[in-house]
PDB file of all heavy atoms in Angstrom:
ATOM      1  N   GLY A   1      -3.457  -3.519 -10.423  1.00  0.00           N
ATOM      2  CA  GLY A   1      -2.388  -3.312  -9.480  1.00  0.00           C
ATOM      3  C   GLY A   1      -2.900  -3.069  -8.121  1.00  0.00           C
ATOM      4  O   GLY A   1      -4.049  -2.679  -7.893  1.00  0.00           O
ATOM      5  N   ALA A   2      -2.052  -3.320  -7.092  1.00  0.00           N
ATOM      6  CA  ALA A   2      -2.380  -3.003  -5.692  1.00  0.00           C
ATOM      7  C   ALA A   2      -1.009  -2.782  -5.023  1.00  0.00           C
ATOM      8  O   ALA A   2       0.054  -3.135  -5.554  1.00  0.00           O
ATOM      9  CB  ALA A   2      -3.160  -4.119  -5.072  1.00  0.00           C
ATOM     10  N   VAL A   3      -1.151  -2.265  -3.759  1.00  0.00           N
ATOM     11  CA  VAL A   3       0.064  -2.130  -2.919  1.00  0.00           C
ATOM     12  C   VAL A   3      -0.170  -2.923  -1.619  1.00  0.00           C
ATOM     13  O   VAL A   3      -1.189  -2.721  -0.958  1.00  0.00           O
ATOM     14  CB  VAL A   3       0.299  -0.613  -2.535  1.00  0.00           C
ATOM     15  CG1 VAL A   3       1.458  -0.536  -1.540  1.00  0.00           C
ATOM     16  CG2 VAL A   3       0.574   0.158  -3.792  1.00  0.00           C
ATOM     17  N   GLU A   4       0.728  -3.831  -1.367  1.00  0.00           N
ATOM     18  CA  GLU A   4       0.769  -4.568  -0.102  1.00  0.00           C
ATOM     19  C   GLU A   4       1.648  -3.843   0.902  1.00  0.00           C
ATOM     20  O   GLU A   4       2.767  -3.548   0.480  1.00  0.00           O
ATOM     21  CB  GLU A   4       1.222  -5.995  -0.373  1.00  0.00           C
ATOM     22  CG  GLU A   4       1.054  -6.946   0.843  1.00  0.00           C
ATOM     23  CD  GLU A   4       1.534  -8.319   0.505  1.00  0.00           C
ATOM     24  OE1 GLU A   4       2.285  -8.509  -0.539  1.00  0.00           O
ATOM     25  OE2 GLU A   4       1.287  -9.272   1.295  1.00  0.00           O
ATOM     26  N   TRP A   5       1.151  -3.577   2.076  1.00  0.00           N
ATOM     27  CA  TRP A   5       1.859  -2.708   3.005  1.00  0.00           C
ATOM     28  C   TRP A   5       1.635  -3.118   4.431  1.00  0.00           C
ATOM     29  O   TRP A   5       0.774  -3.916   4.796  1.00  0.00           O
ATOM     30  CB  TRP A   5       1.464  -1.253   2.804  1.00  0.00           C
ATOM     31  CG  TRP A   5      -0.008  -0.990   3.101  1.00  0.00           C
ATOM     32  CD1 TRP A   5      -1.065  -1.194   2.323  1.00  0.00           C
ATOM     33  CD2 TRP A   5      -0.558  -0.482   4.374  1.00  0.00           C
ATOM     34  NE1 TRP A   5      -2.232  -0.854   2.910  1.00  0.00           N
ATOM     35  CE2 TRP A   5      -1.940  -0.364   4.183  1.00  0.00           C
ATOM     36  CE3 TRP A   5       0.067  -0.125   5.570  1.00  0.00           C
ATOM     37  CZ2 TRP A   5      -2.778   0.034   5.237  1.00  0.00           C
ATOM     38  CZ3 TRP A   5      -0.789   0.378   6.592  1.00  0.00           C
ATOM     39  CH2 TRP A   5      -2.163   0.419   6.419  1.00  0.00           C
ATOM     40  N   GLY A   6       2.514  -2.556   5.314  1.00  0.00           N
ATOM     41  CA  GLY A   6       2.365  -2.786   6.751  1.00  0.00           C
ATOM     42  C   GLY A   6       3.388  -2.051   7.469  1.00  0.00           C
ATOM     43  O   GLY A   6       4.330  -1.480   6.914  1.00  0.00           O
ATOM     44  N   SER A   7       3.345  -2.065   8.820  1.00  0.00           N
ATOM     45  CA  SER A   7       4.310  -1.398   9.673  1.00  0.00           C
ATOM     46  C   SER A   7       5.588  -2.175   9.882  1.00  0.00           C
ATOM     47  O   SER A   7       6.512  -1.678  10.446  1.00  0.00           O
ATOM     48  CB  SER A   7       3.639  -1.114  11.037  1.00  0.00           C
ATOM     49  OG  SER A   7       3.236  -2.322  11.681  1.00  0.00           O
ATOM     50  N   THR A   8       5.627  -3.429   9.384  1.00  0.00           N
ATOM     51  CA  THR A   8       6.839  -4.152   9.396  1.00  0.00           C
ATOM     52  C   THR A   8       7.056  -4.832   7.973  1.00  0.00           C
ATOM     53  O   THR A   8       6.098  -4.844   7.223  1.00  0.00           O
ATOM     54  CB  THR A   8       6.741  -5.343  10.437  1.00  0.00           C
ATOM     55  OG1 THR A   8       5.856  -6.338  10.000  1.00  0.00           O
ATOM     56  CG2 THR A   8       6.271  -4.839  11.832  1.00  0.00           C
ATOM     57  N   PRO A   9       8.191  -5.344   7.718  1.00  0.00           N
ATOM     58  CA  PRO A   9       8.386  -6.011   6.425  1.00  0.00           C
ATOM     59  C   PRO A   9       7.477  -7.188   6.211  1.00  0.00           C
ATOM     60  O   PRO A   9       7.364  -7.718   5.035  1.00  0.00           O
ATOM     61  CB  PRO A   9       9.854  -6.504   6.477  1.00  0.00           C
ATOM     62  CG  PRO A   9      10.524  -5.471   7.395  1.00  0.00           C
ATOM     63  CD  PRO A   9       9.474  -5.221   8.468  1.00  0.00           C
ATOM     64  N   ALA A  10       6.835  -7.701   7.235  1.00  0.00           N
ATOM     65  CA  ALA A  10       5.842  -8.788   7.054  1.00  0.00           C
ATOM     66  C   ALA A  10       4.575  -8.317   6.334  1.00  0.00           C
ATOM     67  O   ALA A  10       3.752  -9.101   5.836  1.00  0.00           O
ATOM     68  CB  ALA A  10       5.478  -9.406   8.365  1.00  0.00           C
ATOM     69  N   LEU A  11       4.427  -6.953   6.238  1.00  0.00           N
ATOM     70  CA  LEU A  11       3.344  -6.316   5.542  1.00  0.00           C
ATOM     71  C   LEU A  11       1.962  -6.678   6.200  1.00  0.00           C
ATOM     72  O   LEU A  11       1.761  -6.424   7.324  1.00  0.00           O
ATOM     73  CB  LEU A  11       3.344  -6.649   4.049  1.00  0.00           C
ATOM     74  CG  LEU A  11       4.718  -6.392   3.410  1.00  0.00           C
ATOM     75  CD1 LEU A  11       4.658  -6.796   1.877  1.00  0.00           C
ATOM     76  CD2 LEU A  11       5.091  -4.910   3.549  1.00  0.00           C
ATOM     77  N   GLY A  12       1.069  -7.326   5.466  1.00  0.00           N
ATOM     78  CA  GLY A  12      -0.160  -7.750   6.094  1.00  0.00           C
ATOM     79  C   GLY A  12      -1.409  -7.011   5.638  1.00  0.00           C
ATOM     80  O   GLY A  12      -2.556  -7.460   5.879  1.00  0.00           O
ATOM     81  N   GLU A  13      -1.287  -5.773   5.068  1.00  0.00           N
ATOM     82  CA  GLU A  13      -2.376  -5.012   4.556  1.00  0.00           C
ATOM     83  C   GLU A  13      -2.256  -4.919   3.072  1.00  0.00           C
ATOM     84  O   GLU A  13      -1.166  -5.027   2.545  1.00  0.00           O
ATOM     85  CB  GLU A  13      -2.463  -3.622   5.206  1.00  0.00           C
ATOM     86  CG  GLU A  13      -2.475  -3.649   6.686  1.00  0.00           C
ATOM     87  CD  GLU A  13      -3.855  -3.984   7.226  1.00  0.00           C
ATOM     88  OE1 GLU A  13      -4.818  -3.978   6.445  1.00  0.00           O
ATOM     89  OE2 GLU A  13      -3.955  -4.262   8.437  1.00  0.00           O
ATOM     90  N   SER A  14      -3.377  -4.665   2.376  1.00  0.00           N
ATOM     91  CA  SER A  14      -3.389  -4.471   0.913  1.00  0.00           C
ATOM     92  C   SER A  14      -4.392  -3.489   0.530  1.00  0.00           C
ATOM     93  O   SER A  14      -5.505  -3.436   1.073  1.00  0.00           O
ATOM     94  CB  SER A  14      -3.528  -5.805   0.211  1.00  0.00           C
ATOM     95  OG  SER A  14      -3.511  -5.602  -1.142  1.00  0.00           O
ATOM     96  N   THR A  15      -4.073  -2.643  -0.456  1.00  0.00           N
ATOM     97  CA  THR A  15      -5.116  -1.746  -1.045  1.00  0.00           C
ATOM     98  C   THR A  15      -6.006  -2.491  -1.942  1.00  0.00           C
ATOM     99  O   THR A  15      -5.604  -3.622  -2.401  1.00  0.00           O
ATOM    100  CB  THR A  15      -4.427  -0.594  -1.727  1.00  0.00           C
ATOM    101  OG1 THR A  15      -3.648  -1.155  -2.892  1.00  0.00           O
ATOM    102  CG2 THR A  15      -3.452   0.218  -0.841  1.00  0.00           C
ATOM    103  N   ALA A  16      -7.131  -1.943  -2.310  1.00  0.00           N
ATOM    104  CA  ALA A  16      -8.007  -2.596  -3.284  1.00  0.00           C
ATOM    105  C   ALA A  16      -7.343  -2.567  -4.680  1.00  0.00           C
ATOM    106  O   ALA A  16      -6.610  -1.670  -5.030  1.00  0.00           O
ATOM    107  CB  ALA A  16      -9.354  -1.862  -3.361  1.00  0.00           C
ATOM    108  N   PRO A  17      -7.559  -3.590  -5.442  1.00  0.00           N
ATOM    109  CA  PRO A  17      -6.975  -3.643  -6.780  1.00  0.00           C
ATOM    110  C   PRO A  17      -7.497  -2.461  -7.684  1.00  0.00           C
ATOM    111  O   PRO A  17      -8.674  -2.099  -7.586  1.00  0.00           O
ATOM    112  CB  PRO A  17      -7.436  -5.016  -7.399  1.00  0.00           C
ATOM    113  CG  PRO A  17      -7.818  -5.825  -6.197  1.00  0.00           C
ATOM    114  CD  PRO A  17      -8.297  -4.792  -5.169  1.00  0.00           C
ATOM    115  N   THR A  18      -6.624  -1.954  -8.518  1.00  0.00           N
ATOM    116  CA  THR A  18      -7.030  -0.953  -9.498  1.00  0.00           C
ATOM    117  C   THR A  18      -7.698  -1.630 -10.651  1.00  0.00           C
ATOM    118  O   THR A  18      -7.727  -2.822 -10.789  1.00  0.00           O
ATOM    119  CB  THR A  18      -5.851  -0.161  -9.995  1.00  0.00           C
ATOM    120  OG1 THR A  18      -4.975  -1.071 -10.766  1.00  0.00           O
ATOM    121  CG2 THR A  18      -4.964   0.401  -8.852  1.00  0.00           C
ATOM    122  N   ALA A  19      -8.310  -0.804 -11.587  1.00  0.00           N
ATOM    123  CA  ALA A  19      -8.720  -1.314 -12.833  1.00  0.00           C
ATOM    124  C   ALA A  19      -7.518  -1.719 -13.637  1.00  0.00           C
ATOM    125  O   ALA A  19      -6.367  -1.280 -13.321  1.00  0.00           O
ATOM    126  CB  ALA A  19      -9.488  -0.246 -13.594  1.00  0.00           C
ATOM    127  N   VAL A  20      -7.641  -2.586 -14.621  1.00  0.00           N
ATOM    128  CA  VAL A  20      -6.531  -3.048 -15.476  1.00  0.00           C
ATOM    129  C   VAL A  20      -6.023  -1.790 -16.219  1.00  0.00           C
ATOM    130  O   VAL A  20      -6.707  -1.173 -16.956  1.00  0.00           O
ATOM    131  CB  VAL A  20      -7.003  -4.141 -16.381  1.00  0.00           C
ATOM    132  CG1 VAL A  20      -5.900  -4.516 -17.417  1.00  0.00           C
ATOM    133  CG2 VAL A  20      -7.411  -5.371 -15.640  1.00  0.00           C
ATOM    134  N   ALA A  21      -4.710  -1.553 -16.051  1.00  0.00           N
ATOM    135  CA  ALA A  21      -4.122  -0.370 -16.684  1.00  0.00           C
ATOM    136  C   ALA A  21      -2.612  -0.531 -16.724  1.00  0.00           C
ATOM    137  O   ALA A  21      -2.061  -1.430 -15.991  1.00  0.00           O
ATOM    138  CB  ALA A  21      -4.516   0.948 -15.961  1.00  0.00           C
ATOM    139  N   SER A  22      -1.965   0.310 -17.497  1.00  0.00           N
ATOM    140  CA  SER A  22      -0.482   0.333 -17.459  1.00  0.00           C
ATOM    141  C   SER A  22       0.047   1.286 -16.395  1.00  0.00           C
ATOM    142  O   SER A  22       1.087   0.988 -15.753  1.00  0.00           O
ATOM    143  CB  SER A  22       0.033   0.691 -18.847  1.00  0.00           C
ATOM    144  OG  SER A  22      -0.298  -0.250 -19.817  1.00  0.00           O
ATOM    145  N   LEU A  23      -0.604   2.398 -16.183  1.00  0.00           N
ATOM    146  CA  LEU A  23      -0.196   3.381 -15.183  1.00  0.00           C
ATOM    147  C   LEU A  23      -1.031   3.271 -13.939  1.00  0.00           C
ATOM    148  O   LEU A  23      -2.280   3.292 -14.002  1.00  0.00           O
ATOM    149  CB  LEU A  23      -0.258   4.835 -15.739  1.00  0.00           C
ATOM    150  CG  LEU A  23       0.001   5.945 -14.772  1.00  0.00           C
ATOM    151  CD1 LEU A  23       1.396   5.919 -14.267  1.00  0.00           C
ATOM    152  CD2 LEU A  23      -0.234   7.327 -15.459  1.00  0.00           C
ATOM    153  N   HIS A  24      -0.384   3.149 -12.783  1.00  0.00           N
ATOM    154  CA  HIS A  24      -1.112   3.021 -11.518  1.00  0.00           C
ATOM    155  C   HIS A  24      -0.737   4.112 -10.571  1.00  0.00           C
ATOM    156  O   HIS A  24       0.458   4.449 -10.424  1.00  0.00           O
ATOM    157  CB  HIS A  24      -0.752   1.694 -10.932  1.00  0.00           C
ATOM    158  CG  HIS A  24      -1.014   0.483 -11.760  1.00  0.00           C
ATOM    159  ND1 HIS A  24      -2.230  -0.156 -11.857  1.00  0.00           N
ATOM    160  CD2 HIS A  24      -0.197  -0.145 -12.623  1.00  0.00           C
ATOM    161  CE1 HIS A  24      -2.130  -1.074 -12.781  1.00  0.00           C
ATOM    162  NE2 HIS A  24      -0.918  -1.115 -13.219  1.00  0.00           N
ATOM    163  N   GLU A  25      -1.699   4.707  -9.888  1.00  0.00           N
ATOM    164  CA  GLU A  25      -1.521   5.601  -8.792  1.00  0.00           C
ATOM    165  C   GLU A  25      -2.431   5.198  -7.678  1.00  0.00           C
ATOM    166  O   GLU A  25      -3.635   5.286  -7.772  1.00  0.00           O
ATOM    167  CB  GLU A  25      -1.829   7.120  -9.183  1.00  0.00           C
ATOM    168  CG  GLU A  25      -0.826   7.671 -10.157  1.00  0.00           C
ATOM    169  CD  GLU A  25      -1.124   9.150 -10.481  1.00  0.00           C
ATOM    170  OE1 GLU A  25      -2.062   9.730  -9.812  1.00  0.00           O
ATOM    171  OE2 GLU A  25      -0.494   9.703 -11.322  1.00  0.00           O
ATOM    172  N   VAL A  26      -1.803   4.673  -6.604  1.00  0.00           N
ATOM    173  CA  VAL A  26      -2.547   4.078  -5.515  1.00  0.00           C
ATOM    174  C   VAL A  26      -2.257   4.791  -4.230  1.00  0.00           C
ATOM    175  O   VAL A  26      -1.082   4.950  -3.818  1.00  0.00           O
ATOM    176  CB  VAL A  26      -2.190   2.531  -5.362  1.00  0.00           C
ATOM    177  CG1 VAL A  26      -2.840   1.935  -4.128  1.00  0.00           C
ATOM    178  CG2 VAL A  26      -2.683   1.810  -6.650  1.00  0.00           C
ATOM    179  N   GLU A  27      -3.324   5.184  -3.547  1.00  0.00           N
ATOM    180  CA  GLU A  27      -3.165   5.922  -2.264  1.00  0.00           C
ATOM    181  C   GLU A  27      -3.304   4.841  -1.118  1.00  0.00           C
ATOM    182  O   GLU A  27      -4.251   4.055  -1.071  1.00  0.00           O
ATOM    183  CB  GLU A  27      -4.227   6.961  -2.102  1.00  0.00           C
ATOM    184  CG  GLU A  27      -4.075   7.723  -0.748  1.00  0.00           C
ATOM    185  CD  GLU A  27      -5.070   8.813  -0.662  1.00  0.00           C
ATOM    186  OE1 GLU A  27      -4.879   9.925  -1.156  1.00  0.00           O
ATOM    187  OE2 GLU A  27      -6.124   8.585   0.022  1.00  0.00           O
ATOM    188  N   ILE A  28      -2.332   4.914  -0.188  1.00  0.00           N
ATOM    189  CA  ILE A  28      -2.402   4.083   1.061  1.00  0.00           C
ATOM    190  C   ILE A  28      -2.951   5.040   2.127  1.00  0.00           C
ATOM    191  O   ILE A  28      -2.331   6.052   2.407  1.00  0.00           O
ATOM    192  CB  ILE A  28      -1.020   3.552   1.415  1.00  0.00           C
ATOM    193  CG1 ILE A  28      -0.419   2.822   0.257  1.00  0.00           C
ATOM    194  CG2 ILE A  28      -1.126   2.664   2.646  1.00  0.00           C
ATOM    195  CD1 ILE A  28       1.012   2.461   0.463  1.00  0.00           C
ATOM    196  N   GLY A  29      -4.024   4.680   2.784  1.00  0.00           N
ATOM    197  CA  GLY A  29      -4.614   5.560   3.814  1.00  0.00           C
ATOM    198  C   GLY A  29      -4.564   4.883   5.204  1.00  0.00           C
ATOM    199  O   GLY A  29      -4.123   3.762   5.363  1.00  0.00           O
ATOM    200  N   GLY A  30      -5.032   5.600   6.174  1.00  0.00           N
ATOM    201  CA  GLY A  30      -5.107   5.042   7.576  1.00  0.00           C
ATOM    202  C   GLY A  30      -3.746   4.899   8.214  1.00  0.00           C
ATOM    203  O   GLY A  30      -3.608   4.108   9.131  1.00  0.00           O
ATOM    204  N   LEU A  31      -2.806   5.725   7.776  1.00  0.00           N
ATOM    205  CA  LEU A  31      -1.459   5.699   8.417  1.00  0.00           C
ATOM    206  C   LEU A  31      -1.334   6.637   9.588  1.00  0.00           C
ATOM    207  O   LEU A  31      -2.199   7.482   9.839  1.00  0.00           O
ATOM    208  CB  LEU A  31      -0.440   6.044   7.342  1.00  0.00           C
ATOM    209  CG  LEU A  31      -0.495   5.334   6.001  1.00  0.00           C
ATOM    210  CD1 LEU A  31       0.539   5.836   5.046  1.00  0.00           C
ATOM    211  CD2 LEU A  31      -0.412   3.810   6.195  1.00  0.00           C
ATOM    212  N   LEU A  32      -0.264   6.459  10.349  1.00  0.00           N
ATOM    213  CA  LEU A  32       0.010   7.319  11.494  1.00  0.00           C
ATOM    214  C   LEU A  32       1.130   8.290  11.187  1.00  0.00           C
ATOM    215  O   LEU A  32       2.087   7.923  10.398  1.00  0.00           O
ATOM    216  CB  LEU A  32       0.384   6.470  12.719  1.00  0.00           C
ATOM    217  CG  LEU A  32      -0.700   5.490  13.217  1.00  0.00           C
ATOM    218  CD1 LEU A  32      -0.136   4.679  14.356  1.00  0.00           C
ATOM    219  CD2 LEU A  32      -1.904   6.306  13.724  1.00  0.00           C
ATOM    220  N   PRO A  33       1.143   9.458  11.770  1.00  0.00           N
ATOM    221  CA  PRO A  33       2.245  10.416  11.471  1.00  0.00           C
ATOM    222  C   PRO A  33       3.604   9.973  11.882  1.00  0.00           C
ATOM    223  O   PRO A  33       3.735   9.309  12.918  1.00  0.00           O
ATOM    224  CB  PRO A  33       1.805  11.707  12.246  1.00  0.00           C
ATOM    225  CG  PRO A  33       0.357  11.504  12.503  1.00  0.00           C
ATOM    226  CD  PRO A  33       0.135  10.023  12.628  1.00  0.00           C
ATOM    227  N   ASN A  34       4.627  10.323  11.142  1.00  0.00           N
ATOM    228  CA  ASN A  34       6.033  10.134  11.494  1.00  0.00           C
ATOM    229  C   ASN A  34       6.334   8.647  11.853  1.00  0.00           C
ATOM    230  O   ASN A  34       6.966   8.369  12.788  1.00  0.00           O
ATOM    231  CB  ASN A  34       6.382  11.052  12.687  1.00  0.00           C
ATOM    232  CG  ASN A  34       7.914  11.110  12.930  1.00  0.00           C
ATOM    233  OD1 ASN A  34       8.685  10.993  11.967  1.00  0.00           O
ATOM    234  ND2 ASN A  34       8.307  11.317  14.149  1.00  0.00           N
ATOM    235  N   GLN A  35       5.772   7.788  11.050  1.00  0.00           N
ATOM    236  CA  GLN A  35       5.971   6.353  11.240  1.00  0.00           C
ATOM    237  C   GLN A  35       6.569   5.703   9.914  1.00  0.00           C
ATOM    238  O   GLN A  35       6.262   6.186   8.835  1.00  0.00           O
ATOM    239  CB  GLN A  35       4.621   5.637  11.572  1.00  0.00           C
ATOM    240  CG  GLN A  35       4.108   6.102  12.844  1.00  0.00           C
ATOM    241  CD  GLN A  35       4.943   5.731  14.062  1.00  0.00           C
ATOM    242  OE1 GLN A  35       5.437   4.641  14.152  1.00  0.00           O
ATOM    243  NE2 GLN A  35       5.040   6.680  15.025  1.00  0.00           N
ATOM    244  N   VAL A  36       7.356   4.708  10.139  1.00  0.00           N
ATOM    245  CA  VAL A  36       7.891   4.000   8.950  1.00  0.00           C
ATOM    246  C   VAL A  36       6.925   2.881   8.581  1.00  0.00           C
ATOM    247  O   VAL A  36       6.430   2.153   9.381  1.00  0.00           O
ATOM    248  CB  VAL A  36       9.297   3.366   9.328  1.00  0.00           C
ATOM    249  CG1 VAL A  36       9.807   2.443   8.166  1.00  0.00           C
ATOM    250  CG2 VAL A  36      10.309   4.465   9.584  1.00  0.00           C
ATOM    251  N   TYR A  37       6.682   2.792   7.239  1.00  0.00           N
ATOM    252  CA  TYR A  37       5.900   1.745   6.669  1.00  0.00           C
ATOM    253  C   TYR A  37       6.652   1.043   5.585  1.00  0.00           C
ATOM    254  O   TYR A  37       7.552   1.662   4.961  1.00  0.00           O
ATOM    255  CB  TYR A  37       4.520   2.296   6.170  1.00  0.00           C
ATOM    256  CG  TYR A  37       3.621   2.771   7.264  1.00  0.00           C
ATOM    257  CD1 TYR A  37       3.626   4.070   7.672  1.00  0.00           C
ATOM    258  CD2 TYR A  37       2.735   1.861   7.826  1.00  0.00           C
ATOM    259  CE1 TYR A  37       2.792   4.507   8.733  1.00  0.00           C
ATOM    260  CE2 TYR A  37       1.910   2.283   8.854  1.00  0.00           C
ATOM    261  CZ  TYR A  37       1.928   3.623   9.323  1.00  0.00           C
ATOM    262  OH  TYR A  37       1.129   4.040  10.325  1.00  0.00           O
ATOM    263  N   HIS A  38       6.287  -0.195   5.324  1.00  0.00           N
ATOM    264  CA  HIS A  38       6.932  -1.021   4.317  1.00  0.00           C
ATOM    265  C   HIS A  38       5.881  -1.372   3.282  1.00  0.00           C
ATOM    266  O   HIS A  38       4.697  -1.557   3.598  1.00  0.00           O
ATOM    267  CB  HIS A  38       7.491  -2.208   4.975  1.00  0.00           C
ATOM    268  CG  HIS A  38       8.554  -1.982   6.074  1.00  0.00           C
ATOM    269  ND1 HIS A  38       9.861  -1.952   5.896  1.00  0.00           N
ATOM    270  CD2 HIS A  38       8.311  -1.706   7.390  1.00  0.00           C
ATOM    271  CE1 HIS A  38      10.403  -1.662   7.053  1.00  0.00           C
ATOM    272  NE2 HIS A  38       9.549  -1.494   7.929  1.00  0.00           N
ATOM    273  N   TYR A  39       6.341  -1.544   2.004  1.00  0.00           N
ATOM    274  CA  TYR A  39       5.364  -1.869   0.974  1.00  0.00           C
ATOM    275  C   TYR A  39       6.027  -2.554  -0.196  1.00  0.00           C
ATOM    276  O   TYR A  39       7.261  -2.477  -0.370  1.00  0.00           O
ATOM    277  CB  TYR A  39       4.664  -0.634   0.497  1.00  0.00           C
ATOM    278  CG  TYR A  39       5.424   0.291  -0.419  1.00  0.00           C
ATOM    279  CD1 TYR A  39       5.343   0.173  -1.824  1.00  0.00           C
ATOM    280  CD2 TYR A  39       6.331   1.198   0.099  1.00  0.00           C
ATOM    281  CE1 TYR A  39       6.137   0.980  -2.615  1.00  0.00           C
ATOM    282  CE2 TYR A  39       7.115   2.010  -0.758  1.00  0.00           C
ATOM    283  CZ  TYR A  39       6.971   1.849  -2.148  1.00  0.00           C
ATOM    284  OH  TYR A  39       7.770   2.674  -2.919  1.00  0.00           O
ATOM    285  N   ARG A  40       5.237  -3.220  -0.988  1.00  0.00           N
ATOM    286  CA  ARG A  40       5.676  -3.722  -2.360  1.00  0.00           C
ATOM    287  C   ARG A  40       4.453  -3.661  -3.325  1.00  0.00           C
ATOM    288  O   ARG A  40       3.340  -3.613  -2.867  1.00  0.00           O
ATOM    289  CB  ARG A  40       6.257  -5.124  -2.261  1.00  0.00           C
ATOM    290  CG  ARG A  40       5.234  -6.183  -1.838  1.00  0.00           C
ATOM    291  CD  ARG A  40       5.914  -7.570  -1.747  1.00  0.00           C
ATOM    292  NE  ARG A  40       5.038  -8.586  -1.184  1.00  0.00           N
ATOM    293  CZ  ARG A  40       5.451  -9.811  -0.827  1.00  0.00           C
ATOM    294  NH1 ARG A  40       6.667 -10.147  -1.042  1.00  0.00           N
ATOM    295  NH2 ARG A  40       4.588 -10.653  -0.394  1.00  0.00           N
TER     296      ARG A  40
END
């Protein structure tokens, strides 16, 4: 699993893939305070 994210709905960034698993917990880093981000 991974999270595709960005500051607009166009996204553009992605986290590194996790190991193959059923349960995923993925941290998105490098964000700015009090800002809206979009992801899928």
